[in-house]
Amino acid sequence: MSAVVLAALLVAVAVLFAVRAWLGGRFSHRDRVMVLAEAFGVVVAFAAASLLVDWTQASPALWVVAVVVAAAGSVGAVRRFAALPWRRTRRRWPLRVVRLGLSGILGSGVVALAAVIAA
């Protein structure tokens, strides 16, 4: 049961990335830093899913759906990337840099752990 829930969570992360990449408006990506951070978050979600989900219990079709949706989101992000500023001006920019840095370190650890276990 938990394997299916975690696999569905992976699909939800991929869908959220794709929706934010393709649609404009309030929930869309507003700068390039946001696009790169969320793309890295999708990579981390896939690495975590490869570690945590027992794919003999969850349907592998959920993995395929997540990959296809994430690929579609990547196409949308690439399409909009040139039109976005590198960063939008915000008063709390230093806090955002610290949060992104810590998330990057933690996410890199998860991806490295998945690579070591897979090897």
PDB file of N, CA and C in Angstrom:
ATOM      1  N   MET A   1       0.818  -1.198   0.000  1.00  0.00           N
ATOM      2  CA  MET A   1       0.000   0.000   0.000  1.00  0.00           C
ATOM      3  C   MET A   1       0.858   1.258   0.000  1.00  0.00           C
ATOM      4  N   SER A   2       1.887   1.286   0.850  1.00  0.00           N
ATOM      5  CA  SER A   2       2.728   2.475   0.920  1.00  0.00           C
ATOM      6  C   SER A   2       3.539   2.659  -0.355  1.00  0.00           C
ATOM      7  N   ALA A   3       3.870   1.566  -1.032  1.00  0.00           N
ATOM      8  CA  ALA A   3       4.607   1.671  -2.290  1.00  0.00           C
ATOM      9  C   ALA A   3       3.773   2.385  -3.344  1.00  0.00           C
ATOM     10  N   VAL A   4       2.499   2.089  -3.376  1.00  0.00           N
ATOM     11  CA  VAL A   4       1.608   2.736  -4.345  1.00  0.00           C
ATOM     12  C   VAL A   4       1.458   4.219  -4.019  1.00  0.00           C
ATOM     13  N   VAL A   5       1.350   4.542  -2.741  1.00  0.00           N
ATOM     14  CA  VAL A   5       1.219   5.944  -2.330  1.00  0.00           C
ATOM     15  C   VAL A   5       2.481   6.723  -2.693  1.00  0.00           C
ATOM     16  N   LEU A   6       3.657   6.153  -2.442  1.00  0.00           N
ATOM     17  CA  LEU A   6       4.904   6.834  -2.779  1.00  0.00           C
ATOM     18  C   LEU A   6       5.067   6.984  -4.294  1.00  0.00           C
ATOM     19  N   ALA A   7       4.658   5.968  -5.054  1.00  0.00           N
ATOM     20  CA  ALA A   7       4.728   6.061  -6.512  1.00  0.00           C
ATOM     21  C   ALA A   7       3.757   7.128  -7.026  1.00  0.00           C
ATOM     22  N   ALA A   8       2.581   7.200  -6.432  1.00  0.00           N
ATOM     23  CA  ALA A   8       1.618   8.235  -6.819  1.00  0.00           C
ATOM     24  C   ALA A   8       2.141   9.623  -6.448  1.00  0.00           C
ATOM     25  N   LEU A   9       2.870   9.719  -5.354  1.00  0.00           N
ATOM     26  CA  LEU A   9       3.481  10.991  -4.966  1.00  0.00           C
ATOM     27  C   LEU A   9       4.534  11.422  -5.990  1.00  0.00           C
ATOM     28  N   LEU A  10       5.277  10.478  -6.532  1.00  0.00           N
ATOM     29  CA  LEU A  10       6.238  10.784  -7.590  1.00  0.00           C
ATOM     30  C   LEU A  10       5.523  11.337  -8.814  1.00  0.00           C
ATOM     31  N   VAL A  11       4.418  10.725  -9.185  1.00  0.00           N
ATOM     32  CA  VAL A  11       3.633  11.222 -10.329  1.00  0.00           C
ATOM     33  C   VAL A  11       3.123  12.631 -10.024  1.00  0.00           C
ATOM     34  N   ALA A  12       2.674  12.871  -8.809  1.00  0.00           N
ATOM     35  CA  ALA A  12       2.166  14.199  -8.442  1.00  0.00           C
ATOM     36  C   ALA A  12       3.262  15.260  -8.535  1.00  0.00           C
ATOM     37  N   VAL A  13       4.476  14.935  -8.117  1.00  0.00           N
ATOM     38  CA  VAL A  13       5.591  15.883  -8.222  1.00  0.00           C
ATOM     39  C   VAL A  13       5.869  16.199  -9.686  1.00  0.00           C
ATOM     40  N   ALA A  14       5.857  15.171 -10.530  1.00  0.00           N
ATOM     41  CA  ALA A  14       6.099  15.376 -11.963  1.00  0.00           C
ATOM     42  C   ALA A  14       4.983  16.209 -12.600  1.00  0.00           C
ATOM     43  N   VAL A  15       3.748  15.954 -12.210  1.00  0.00           N
ATOM     44  CA  VAL A  15       2.617  16.725 -12.751  1.00  0.00           C
ATOM     45  C   VAL A  15       2.713  18.179 -12.318  1.00  0.00           C
ATOM     46  N   LEU A  16       3.050  18.425 -11.068  1.00  0.00           N
ATOM     47  CA  LEU A  16       3.194  19.793 -10.590  1.00  0.00           C
ATOM     48  C   LEU A  16       4.280  20.534 -11.366  1.00  0.00           C
ATOM     49  N   PHE A  17       5.407  19.877 -11.609  1.00  0.00           N
ATOM     50  CA  PHE A  17       6.480  20.487 -12.387  1.00  0.00           C
ATOM     51  C   PHE A  17       5.999  20.814 -13.799  1.00  0.00           C
ATOM     52  N   ALA A  18       5.292  19.882 -14.435  1.00  0.00           N
ATOM     53  CA  ALA A  18       4.822  20.107 -15.798  1.00  0.00           C
ATOM     54  C   ALA A  18       3.799  21.232 -15.868  1.00  0.00           C
ATOM     55  N   VAL A  19       2.890  21.269 -14.925  1.00  0.00           N
ATOM     56  CA  VAL A  19       1.867  22.326 -14.920  1.00  0.00           C
ATOM     57  C   VAL A  19       2.517  23.681 -14.722  1.00  0.00           C
ATOM     58  N   ARG A  20       3.451  23.762 -13.792  1.00  0.00           N
ATOM     59  CA  ARG A  20       4.120  25.042 -13.543  1.00  0.00           C
ATOM     60  C   ARG A  20       4.987  25.465 -14.721  1.00  0.00           C
ATOM     61  N   ALA A  21       5.516  24.502 -15.471  1.00  0.00           N
ATOM     62  CA  ALA A  21       6.368  24.827 -16.613  1.00  0.00           C
ATOM     63  C   ALA A  21       5.558  25.298 -17.817  1.00  0.00           C
ATOM     64  N   TRP A  22       4.374  24.722 -18.016  1.00  0.00           N
ATOM     65  CA  TRP A  22       3.597  25.035 -19.214  1.00  0.00           C
ATOM     66  C   TRP A  22       2.612  26.176 -19.025  1.00  0.00           C
ATOM     67  N   LEU A  23       1.995  26.261 -17.864  1.00  0.00           N
ATOM     68  CA  LEU A  23       0.962  27.270 -17.681  1.00  0.00           C
ATOM     69  C   LEU A  23       1.536  28.576 -17.168  1.00  0.00           C
ATOM     70  N   GLY A  24       0.953  29.659 -17.590  1.00  0.00           N
ATOM     71  CA  GLY A  24       1.337  30.963 -17.066  1.00  0.00           C
ATOM     72  C   GLY A  24       0.484  31.284 -15.855  1.00  0.00           C
ATOM     73  N   GLY A  25       0.686  32.451 -15.328  1.00  0.00           N
ATOM     74  CA  GLY A  25      -0.152  32.880 -14.220  1.00  0.00           C
ATOM     75  C   GLY A  25       0.538  32.796 -12.884  1.00  0.00           C
ATOM     76  N   ARG A  26      -0.264  32.720 -11.862  1.00  0.00           N
ATOM     77  CA  ARG A  26       0.216  32.834 -10.498  1.00  0.00           C
ATOM     78  C   ARG A  26       1.164  31.713 -10.083  1.00  0.00           C
ATOM     79  N   PHE A  27       0.911  30.504 -10.531  1.00  0.00           N
ATOM     80  CA  PHE A  27       1.690  29.362 -10.071  1.00  0.00           C
ATOM     81  C   PHE A  27       2.813  28.975 -11.027  1.00  0.00           C
ATOM     82  N   SER A  28       3.070  29.777 -12.047  1.00  0.00           N
ATOM     83  CA  SER A  28       4.100  29.424 -13.017  1.00  0.00           C
ATOM     84  C   SER A  28       5.484  29.785 -12.487  1.00  0.00           C
ATOM     85  N   HIS A  29       6.483  29.295 -13.192  1.00  0.00           N
ATOM     86  CA  HIS A  29       7.858  29.660 -12.854  1.00  0.00           C
ATOM     87  C   HIS A  29       8.070  31.131 -13.173  1.00  0.00           C
ATOM     88  N   ARG A  30       8.664  31.855 -12.242  1.00  0.00           N
ATOM     89  CA  ARG A  30       8.828  33.293 -12.420  1.00  0.00           C
ATOM     90  C   ARG A  30      10.263  33.703 -12.741  1.00  0.00           C
ATOM     91  N   ASP A  31      11.221  32.818 -12.504  1.00  0.00           N
ATOM     92  CA  ASP A  31      12.601  33.127 -12.862  1.00  0.00           C
ATOM     93  C   ASP A  31      13.358  31.829 -13.144  1.00  0.00           C
ATOM     94  N   ARG A  32      14.548  31.985 -13.708  1.00  0.00           N
ATOM     95  CA  ARG A  32      15.337  30.818 -14.098  1.00  0.00           C
ATOM     96  C   ARG A  32      15.818  30.018 -12.900  1.00  0.00           C
ATOM     97  N   VAL A  33      16.096  30.697 -11.816  1.00  0.00           N
ATOM     98  CA  VAL A  33      16.531  29.998 -10.604  1.00  0.00           C
ATOM     99  C   VAL A  33      15.426  29.049 -10.136  1.00  0.00           C
ATOM    100  N   MET A  34      14.190  29.495 -10.202  1.00  0.00           N
ATOM    101  CA  MET A  34      13.063  28.659  -9.797  1.00  0.00           C
ATOM    102  C   MET A  34      12.929  27.437 -10.707  1.00  0.00           C
ATOM    103  N   VAL A  35      13.122  27.635 -12.006  1.00  0.00           N
ATOM    104  CA  VAL A  35      13.045  26.518 -12.958  1.00  0.00           C
ATOM    105  C   VAL A  35      14.121  25.488 -12.640  1.00  0.00           C
ATOM    106  N   LEU A  36      15.353  25.943 -12.457  1.00  0.00           N
ATOM    107  CA  LEU A  36      16.456  25.025 -12.179  1.00  0.00           C
ATOM    108  C   LEU A  36      16.275  24.311 -10.844  1.00  0.00           C
ATOM    109  N   ALA A  37      15.813  25.038  -9.833  1.00  0.00           N
ATOM    110  CA  ALA A  37      15.606  24.426  -8.522  1.00  0.00           C
ATOM    111  C   ALA A  37      14.513  23.365  -8.570  1.00  0.00           C
ATOM    112  N   GLU A  38      13.437  23.660  -9.281  1.00  0.00           N
ATOM    113  CA  GLU A  38      12.355  22.680  -9.342  1.00  0.00           C
ATOM    114  C   GLU A  38      12.736  21.487 -10.211  1.00  0.00           C
ATOM    115  N   ALA A  39      13.502  21.701 -11.265  1.00  0.00           N
ATOM    116  CA  ALA A  39      13.973  20.584 -12.089  1.00  0.00           C
ATOM    117  C   ALA A  39      14.880  19.669 -11.259  1.00  0.00           C
ATOM    118  N   PHE A  40      15.746  20.265 -10.448  1.00  0.00           N
ATOM    119  CA  PHE A  40      16.591  19.461  -9.570  1.00  0.00           C
ATOM    120  C   PHE A  40      15.736  18.717  -8.541  1.00  0.00           C
ATOM    121  N   GLY A  41      14.676  19.349  -8.069  1.00  0.00           N
ATOM    122  CA  GLY A  41      13.766  18.683  -7.138  1.00  0.00           C
ATOM    123  C   GLY A  41      13.097  17.470  -7.754  1.00  0.00           C
ATOM    124  N   VAL A  42      12.784  17.540  -9.028  1.00  0.00           N
ATOM    125  CA  VAL A  42      12.193  16.391  -9.721  1.00  0.00           C
ATOM    126  C   VAL A  42      13.217  15.258  -9.813  1.00  0.00           C
ATOM    127  N   VAL A  43      14.467  15.603 -10.101  1.00  0.00           N
ATOM    128  CA  VAL A  43      15.529  14.590 -10.148  1.00  0.00           C
ATOM    129  C   VAL A  43      15.676  13.922  -8.781  1.00  0.00           C
ATOM    130  N   VAL A  44      15.641  14.711  -7.730  1.00  0.00           N
ATOM    131  CA  VAL A  44      15.742  14.164  -6.371  1.00  0.00           C
ATOM    132  C   VAL A  44      14.539  13.272  -6.065  1.00  0.00           C
ATOM    133  N   ALA A  45      13.359  13.663  -6.511  1.00  0.00           N
ATOM    134  CA  ALA A  45      12.168  12.842  -6.282  1.00  0.00           C
ATOM    135  C   ALA A  45      12.300  11.490  -6.979  1.00  0.00           C
ATOM    136  N   PHE A  46      12.831  11.484  -8.194  1.00  0.00           N
ATOM    137  CA  PHE A  46      13.050  10.215  -8.888  1.00  0.00           C
ATOM    138  C   PHE A  46      14.092   9.357  -8.171  1.00  0.00           C
ATOM    139  N   ALA A  47      15.164   9.995  -7.690  1.00  0.00           N
ATOM    140  CA  ALA A  47      16.188   9.243  -6.963  1.00  0.00           C
ATOM    141  C   ALA A  47      15.619   8.661  -5.672  1.00  0.00           C
ATOM    142  N   ALA A  48      14.834   9.453  -4.951  1.00  0.00           N
ATOM    143  CA  ALA A  48      14.222   8.965  -3.717  1.00  0.00           C
ATOM    144  C   ALA A  48      13.228   7.842  -3.999  1.00  0.00           C
ATOM    145  N   ALA A  49      12.480   7.977  -5.087  1.00  0.00           N
ATOM    146  CA  ALA A  49      11.520   6.924  -5.434  1.00  0.00           C
ATOM    147  C   ALA A  49      12.235   5.627  -5.797  1.00  0.00           C
ATOM    148  N   SER A  50      13.384   5.741  -6.442  1.00  0.00           N
ATOM    149  CA  SER A  50      14.117   4.517  -6.774  1.00  0.00           C
ATOM    150  C   SER A  50      14.631   3.820  -5.518  1.00  0.00           C
ATOM    151  N   LEU A  51      14.880   4.603  -4.467  1.00  0.00           N
ATOM    152  CA  LEU A  51      15.338   4.023  -3.205  1.00  0.00           C
ATOM    153  C   LEU A  51      14.198   3.512  -2.334  1.00  0.00           C
ATOM    154  N   LEU A  52      13.096   4.236  -2.290  1.00  0.00           N
ATOM    155  CA  LEU A  52      12.060   3.974  -1.299  1.00  0.00           C
ATOM    156  C   LEU A  52      10.908   3.103  -1.780  1.00  0.00           C
ATOM    157  N   VAL A  53      10.649   3.115  -3.075  1.00  0.00           N
ATOM    158  CA  VAL A  53       9.470   2.407  -3.579  1.00  0.00           C
ATOM    159  C   VAL A  53       9.847   0.984  -3.980  1.00  0.00           C
ATOM    160  N   ASP A  54       9.072   0.048  -3.500  1.00  0.00           N
ATOM    161  CA  ASP A  54       9.215  -1.348  -3.926  1.00  0.00           C
ATOM    162  C   ASP A  54       8.383  -1.507  -5.207  1.00  0.00           C
ATOM    163  N   TRP A  55       9.069  -1.500  -6.345  1.00  0.00           N
ATOM    164  CA  TRP A  55       8.353  -1.484  -7.628  1.00  0.00           C
ATOM    165  C   TRP A  55       7.734  -2.831  -7.983  1.00  0.00           C
ATOM    166  N   THR A  56       7.924  -3.859  -7.134  1.00  0.00           N
ATOM    167  CA  THR A  56       7.200  -5.106  -7.348  1.00  0.00           C
ATOM    168  C   THR A  56       5.780  -4.995  -6.798  1.00  0.00           C
ATOM    169  N   GLN A  57       5.572  -4.075  -5.853  1.00  0.00           N
ATOM    170  CA  GLN A  57       4.238  -3.862  -5.294  1.00  0.00           C
ATOM    171  C   GLN A  57       3.500  -2.735  -6.005  1.00  0.00           C
ATOM    172  N   ALA A  58       4.230  -1.704  -6.405  1.00  0.00           N
ATOM    173  CA  ALA A  58       3.618  -0.586  -7.135  1.00  0.00           C
ATOM    174  C   ALA A  58       3.723  -0.870  -8.629  1.00  0.00           C
ATOM    175  N   SER A  59       2.784  -0.372  -9.365  1.00  0.00           N
ATOM    176  CA  SER A  59       2.776  -0.598 -10.806  1.00  0.00           C
ATOM    177  C   SER A  59       3.906   0.179 -11.473  1.00  0.00           C
ATOM    178  N   PRO A  60       4.716  -0.489 -12.282  1.00  0.00           N
ATOM    179  CA  PRO A  60       5.757   0.223 -13.025  1.00  0.00           C
ATOM    180  C   PRO A  60       5.180   1.254 -14.003  1.00  0.00           C
ATOM    181  N   ALA A  61       3.894   1.137 -14.301  1.00  0.00           N
ATOM    182  CA  ALA A  61       3.250   2.122 -15.172  1.00  0.00           C
ATOM    183  C   ALA A  61       3.270   3.503 -14.526  1.00  0.00           C
ATOM    184  N   LEU A  62       3.241   3.559 -13.196  1.00  0.00           N
ATOM    185  CA  LEU A  62       3.331   4.852 -12.513  1.00  0.00           C
ATOM    186  C   LEU A  62       4.687   5.499 -12.755  1.00  0.00           C
ATOM    187  N   TRP A  63       5.751   4.692 -12.795  1.00  0.00           N
ATOM    188  CA  TRP A  63       7.089   5.222 -13.098  1.00  0.00           C
ATOM    189  C   TRP A  63       7.112   5.771 -14.524  1.00  0.00           C
ATOM    190  N   VAL A  64       6.537   5.030 -15.449  1.00  0.00           N
ATOM    191  CA  VAL A  64       6.525   5.469 -16.850  1.00  0.00           C
ATOM    192  C   VAL A  64       5.726   6.759 -16.998  1.00  0.00           C
ATOM    193  N   VAL A  65       4.587   6.846 -16.353  1.00  0.00           N
ATOM    194  CA  VAL A  65       3.774   8.063 -16.406  1.00  0.00           C
ATOM    195  C   VAL A  65       4.560   9.243 -15.827  1.00  0.00           C
ATOM    196  N   ALA A  66       5.232   9.035 -14.708  1.00  0.00           N
ATOM    197  CA  ALA A  66       6.014  10.104 -14.095  1.00  0.00           C
ATOM    198  C   ALA A  66       7.141  10.565 -15.022  1.00  0.00           C
ATOM    199  N   VAL A  67       7.801   9.635 -15.698  1.00  0.00           N
ATOM    200  CA  VAL A  67       8.885   9.991 -16.616  1.00  0.00           C
ATOM    201  C   VAL A  67       8.349  10.786 -17.805  1.00  0.00           C
ATOM    202  N   VAL A  68       7.240  10.344 -18.370  1.00  0.00           N
ATOM    203  CA  VAL A  68       6.658  11.044 -19.526  1.00  0.00           C
ATOM    204  C   VAL A  68       6.204  12.446 -19.133  1.00  0.00           C
ATOM    205  N   VAL A  69       5.546  12.570 -18.000  1.00  0.00           N
ATOM    206  CA  VAL A  69       5.069  13.881 -17.551  1.00  0.00           C
ATOM    207  C   VAL A  69       6.243  14.802 -17.205  1.00  0.00           C
ATOM    208  N   ALA A  70       7.279  14.268 -16.564  1.00  0.00           N
ATOM    209  CA  ALA A  70       8.458  15.080 -16.252  1.00  0.00           C
ATOM    210  C   ALA A  70       9.171  15.520 -17.531  1.00  0.00           C
ATOM    211  N   ALA A  71       9.212  14.651 -18.536  1.00  0.00           N
ATOM    212  CA  ALA A  71       9.817  15.028 -19.817  1.00  0.00           C
ATOM    213  C   ALA A  71       9.010  16.135 -20.488  1.00  0.00           C
ATOM    214  N   ALA A  72       7.696  16.031 -20.434  1.00  0.00           N
ATOM    215  CA  ALA A  72       6.852  17.089 -21.000  1.00  0.00           C
ATOM    216  C   ALA A  72       7.058  18.397 -20.240  1.00  0.00           C
ATOM    217  N   GLY A  73       7.205  18.319 -18.937  1.00  0.00           N
ATOM    218  CA  GLY A  73       7.480  19.510 -18.148  1.00  0.00           C
ATOM    219  C   GLY A  73       8.833  20.107 -18.489  1.00  0.00           C
ATOM    220  N   SER A  74       9.807  19.264 -18.755  1.00  0.00           N
ATOM    221  CA  SER A  74      11.127  19.757 -19.144  1.00  0.00           C
ATOM    222  C   SER A  74      11.069  20.492 -20.473  1.00  0.00           C
ATOM    223  N   VAL A  75      10.277  19.984 -21.407  1.00  0.00           N
ATOM    224  CA  VAL A  75      10.108  20.672 -22.695  1.00  0.00           C
ATOM    225  C   VAL A  75       9.483  22.048 -22.466  1.00  0.00           C
ATOM    226  N   GLY A  76       8.473  22.118 -21.627  1.00  0.00           N
ATOM    227  CA  GLY A  76       7.841  23.401 -21.322  1.00  0.00           C
ATOM    228  C   GLY A  76       8.787  24.356 -20.632  1.00  0.00           C
ATOM    229  N   ALA A  77       9.612  23.839 -19.726  1.00  0.00           N
ATOM    230  CA  ALA A  77      10.568  24.694 -19.024  1.00  0.00           C
ATOM    231  C   ALA A  77      11.629  25.232 -19.984  1.00  0.00           C
ATOM    232  N   VAL A  78      12.096  24.401 -20.892  1.00  0.00           N
ATOM    233  CA  VAL A  78      13.092  24.837 -21.870  1.00  0.00           C
ATOM    234  C   VAL A  78      12.497  25.889 -22.795  1.00  0.00           C
ATOM    235  N   ARG A  79      11.255  25.708 -23.172  1.00  0.00           N
ATOM    236  CA  ARG A  79      10.590  26.682 -24.050  1.00  0.00           C
ATOM    237  C   ARG A  79      10.514  28.068 -23.421  1.00  0.00           C
ATOM    238  N   ARG A  80      10.264  28.129 -22.134  1.00  0.00           N
ATOM    239  CA  ARG A  80      10.077  29.414 -21.452  1.00  0.00           C
ATOM    240  C   ARG A  80      11.359  29.968 -20.844  1.00  0.00           C
ATOM    241  N   PHE A  81      12.415  29.178 -20.782  1.00  0.00           N
ATOM    242  CA  PHE A  81      13.615  29.541 -20.036  1.00  0.00           C
ATOM    243  C   PHE A  81      14.226  30.856 -20.516  1.00  0.00           C
ATOM    244  N   ALA A  82      14.351  31.052 -21.815  1.00  0.00           N
ATOM    245  CA  ALA A  82      15.004  32.253 -22.351  1.00  0.00           C
ATOM    246  C   ALA A  82      14.212  33.526 -22.038  1.00  0.00           C
ATOM    247  N   ALA A  83      12.913  33.408 -21.890  1.00  0.00           N
ATOM    248  CA  ALA A  83      12.072  34.580 -21.635  1.00  0.00           C
ATOM    249  C   ALA A  83      12.054  34.988 -20.162  1.00  0.00           C
ATOM    250  N   LEU A  84      12.567  34.147 -19.289  1.00  0.00           N
ATOM    251  CA  LEU A  84      12.527  34.427 -17.856  1.00  0.00           C
ATOM    252  C   LEU A  84      13.782  35.173 -17.416  1.00  0.00           C
ATOM    253  N   PRO A  85      13.656  36.061 -16.421  1.00  0.00           N
ATOM    254  CA  PRO A  85      14.862  36.679 -15.861  1.00  0.00           C
ATOM    255  C   PRO A  85      15.603  35.660 -14.997  1.00  0.00           C
ATOM    256  N   TRP A  86      16.890  35.892 -14.757  1.00  0.00           N
ATOM    257  CA  TRP A  86      17.638  34.971 -13.906  1.00  0.00           C
ATOM    258  C   TRP A  86      17.070  34.945 -12.493  1.00  0.00           C
ATOM    259  N   ARG A  87      16.761  36.084 -11.983  1.00  0.00           N
ATOM    260  CA  ARG A  87      16.094  36.124 -10.679  1.00  0.00           C
ATOM    261  C   ARG A  87      15.219  37.363 -10.640  1.00  0.00           C
ATOM    262  N   ARG A  88      14.087  37.208 -10.036  1.00  0.00           N
ATOM    263  CA  ARG A  88      13.244  38.388  -9.860  1.00  0.00           C
ATOM    264  C   ARG A  88      13.683  39.081  -8.593  1.00  0.00           C
ATOM    265  N   THR A  89      13.488  40.344  -8.566  1.00  0.00           N
ATOM    266  CA  THR A  89      13.953  41.098  -7.400  1.00  0.00           C
ATOM    267  C   THR A  89      13.033  40.821  -6.215  1.00  0.00           C
ATOM    268  N   ARG A  90      13.660  40.505  -5.134  1.00  0.00           N
ATOM    269  CA  ARG A  90      12.945  40.237  -3.890  1.00  0.00           C
ATOM    270  C   ARG A  90      13.771  40.768  -2.743  1.00  0.00           C
ATOM    271  N   ARG A  91      13.109  41.136  -1.708  1.00  0.00           N
ATOM    272  CA  ARG A  91      13.827  41.609  -0.523  1.00  0.00           C
ATOM    273  C   ARG A  91      14.522  40.469   0.205  1.00  0.00           C
ATOM    274  N   ARG A  92      13.987  39.275   0.144  1.00  0.00           N
ATOM    275  CA  ARG A  92      14.533  38.151   0.904  1.00  0.00           C
ATOM    276  C   ARG A  92      15.441  37.273   0.047  1.00  0.00           C
ATOM    277  N   TRP A  93      16.160  37.851  -0.879  1.00  0.00           N
ATOM    278  CA  TRP A  93      17.028  37.082  -1.759  1.00  0.00           C
ATOM    279  C   TRP A  93      18.073  36.268  -0.981  1.00  0.00           C
ATOM    280  N   PRO A  94      18.755  36.806   0.039  1.00  0.00           N
ATOM    281  CA  PRO A  94      19.745  35.994   0.777  1.00  0.00           C
ATOM    282  C   PRO A  94      19.124  34.756   1.432  1.00  0.00           C
ATOM    283  N   LEU A  95      17.933  34.880   1.967  1.00  0.00           N
ATOM    284  CA  LEU A  95      17.264  33.725   2.566  1.00  0.00           C
ATOM    285  C   LEU A  95      16.975  32.668   1.508  1.00  0.00           C
ATOM    286  N   ARG A  96      16.573  33.101   0.339  1.00  0.00           N
ATOM    287  CA  ARG A  96      16.287  32.169  -0.754  1.00  0.00           C
ATOM    288  C   ARG A  96      17.557  31.428  -1.177  1.00  0.00           C
ATOM    289  N   VAL A  97      18.682  32.135  -1.232  1.00  0.00           N
ATOM    290  CA  VAL A  97      19.952  31.511  -1.601  1.00  0.00           C
ATOM    291  C   VAL A  97      20.347  30.457  -0.560  1.00  0.00           C
ATOM    292  N   VAL A  98      20.168  30.770   0.709  1.00  0.00           N
ATOM    293  CA  VAL A  98      20.502  29.805   1.765  1.00  0.00           C
ATOM    294  C   VAL A  98      19.609  28.570   1.659  1.00  0.00           C
ATOM    295  N   ARG A  99      18.314  28.778   1.474  1.00  0.00           N
ATOM    296  CA  ARG A  99      17.385  27.638   1.336  1.00  0.00           C
ATOM    297  C   ARG A  99      17.726  26.792   0.126  1.00  0.00           C
ATOM    298  N   LEU A 100      18.017  27.429  -1.012  1.00  0.00           N
ATOM    299  CA  LEU A 100      18.379  26.681  -2.213  1.00  0.00           C
ATOM    300  C   LEU A 100      19.680  25.915  -2.018  1.00  0.00           C
ATOM    301  N   GLY A 101      20.643  26.536  -1.333  1.00  0.00           N
ATOM    302  CA  GLY A 101      21.912  25.860  -1.082  1.00  0.00           C
ATOM    303  C   GLY A 101      21.755  24.625  -0.208  1.00  0.00           C
ATOM    304  N   LEU A 102      20.998  24.757   0.871  1.00  0.00           N
ATOM    305  CA  LEU A 102      20.767  23.608   1.751  1.00  0.00           C
ATOM    306  C   LEU A 102      19.972  22.511   1.052  1.00  0.00           C
ATOM    307  N   SER A 103      18.992  22.894   0.269  1.00  0.00           N
ATOM    308  CA  SER A 103      18.216  21.906  -0.488  1.00  0.00           C
ATOM    309  C   SER A 103      19.094  21.208  -1.517  1.00  0.00           C
ATOM    310  N   GLY A 104      19.983  21.966  -2.138  1.00  0.00           N
ATOM    311  CA  GLY A 104      20.899  21.381  -3.115  1.00  0.00           C
ATOM    312  C   GLY A 104      21.849  20.380  -2.495  1.00  0.00           C
ATOM    313  N   ILE A 105      22.348  20.697  -1.311  1.00  0.00           N
ATOM    314  CA  ILE A 105      23.254  19.778  -0.619  1.00  0.00           C
ATOM    315  C   ILE A 105      22.517  18.501  -0.225  1.00  0.00           C
ATOM    316  N   LEU A 106      21.348  18.645   0.368  1.00  0.00           N
ATOM    317  CA  LEU A 106      20.560  17.487   0.777  1.00  0.00           C
ATOM    318  C   LEU A 106      20.141  16.658  -0.440  1.00  0.00           C
ATOM    319  N   GLY A 107      19.670  17.329  -1.483  1.00  0.00           N
ATOM    320  CA  GLY A 107      19.255  16.619  -2.695  1.00  0.00           C
ATOM    321  C   GLY A 107      20.401  15.909  -3.371  1.00  0.00           C
ATOM    322  N   SER A 108      21.573  16.534  -3.392  1.00  0.00           N
ATOM    323  CA  SER A 108      22.746  15.891  -3.983  1.00  0.00           C
ATOM    324  C   SER A 108      23.118  14.632  -3.210  1.00  0.00           C
ATOM    325  N   GLY A 109      22.948  14.675  -1.908  1.00  0.00           N
ATOM    326  CA  GLY A 109      23.204  13.486  -1.103  1.00  0.00           C
ATOM    327  C   GLY A 109      22.253  12.349  -1.439  1.00  0.00           C
ATOM    328  N   VAL A 110      20.990  12.671  -1.644  1.00  0.00           N
ATOM    329  CA  VAL A 110      20.007  11.640  -2.005  1.00  0.00           C
ATOM    330  C   VAL A 110      20.340  11.049  -3.371  1.00  0.00           C
ATOM    331  N   VAL A 111      20.662  11.898  -4.336  1.00  0.00           N
ATOM    332  CA  VAL A 111      20.998  11.405  -5.673  1.00  0.00           C
ATOM    333  C   VAL A 111      22.271  10.562  -5.623  1.00  0.00           C
ATOM    334  N   ALA A 112      23.288  10.991  -4.856  1.00  0.00           N
ATOM    335  CA  ALA A 112      24.519  10.223  -4.731  1.00  0.00           C
ATOM    336  C   ALA A 112      24.257   8.872  -4.069  1.00  0.00           C
ATOM    337  N   LEU A 113      23.420   8.858  -3.042  1.00  0.00           N
ATOM    338  CA  LEU A 113      23.092   7.600  -2.374  1.00  0.00           C
ATOM    339  C   LEU A 113      22.382   6.650  -3.340  1.00  0.00           C
ATOM    340  N   ALA A 114      21.466   7.173  -4.139  1.00  0.00           N
ATOM    341  CA  ALA A 114      20.781   6.325  -5.119  1.00  0.00           C
ATOM    342  C   ALA A 114      21.759   5.780  -6.151  1.00  0.00           C
ATOM    343  N   ALA A 115      22.728   6.603  -6.559  1.00  0.00           N
ATOM    344  CA  ALA A 115      23.721   6.146  -7.538  1.00  0.00           C
ATOM    345  C   ALA A 115      24.630   5.069  -6.944  1.00  0.00           C
ATOM    346  N   VAL A 116      25.015   5.234  -5.683  1.00  0.00           N
ATOM    347  CA  VAL A 116      25.881   4.242  -5.037  1.00  0.00           C
ATOM    348  C   VAL A 116      25.149   2.915  -4.856  1.00  0.00           C
ATOM    349  N   ILE A 117      23.899   2.977  -4.464  1.00  0.00           N
ATOM    350  CA  ILE A 117      23.126   1.758  -4.259  1.00  0.00           C
ATOM    351  C   ILE A 117      22.858   1.050  -5.589  1.00  0.00           C
ATOM    352  N   ALA A 118      22.628   1.831  -6.643  1.00  0.00           N
ATOM    353  CA  ALA A 118      22.351   1.239  -7.952  1.00  0.00           C
ATOM    354  C   ALA A 118      23.587   0.587  -8.555  1.00  0.00           C
ATOM    355  N   ALA A 119      24.768   1.058  -8.160  1.00  0.00           N
ATOM    356  CA  ALA A 119      26.013   0.521  -8.761  1.00  0.00           C
ATOM    357  C   ALA A 119      26.420  -0.804  -8.164  1.00  0.00           C
TER     358      ALA A 119
END
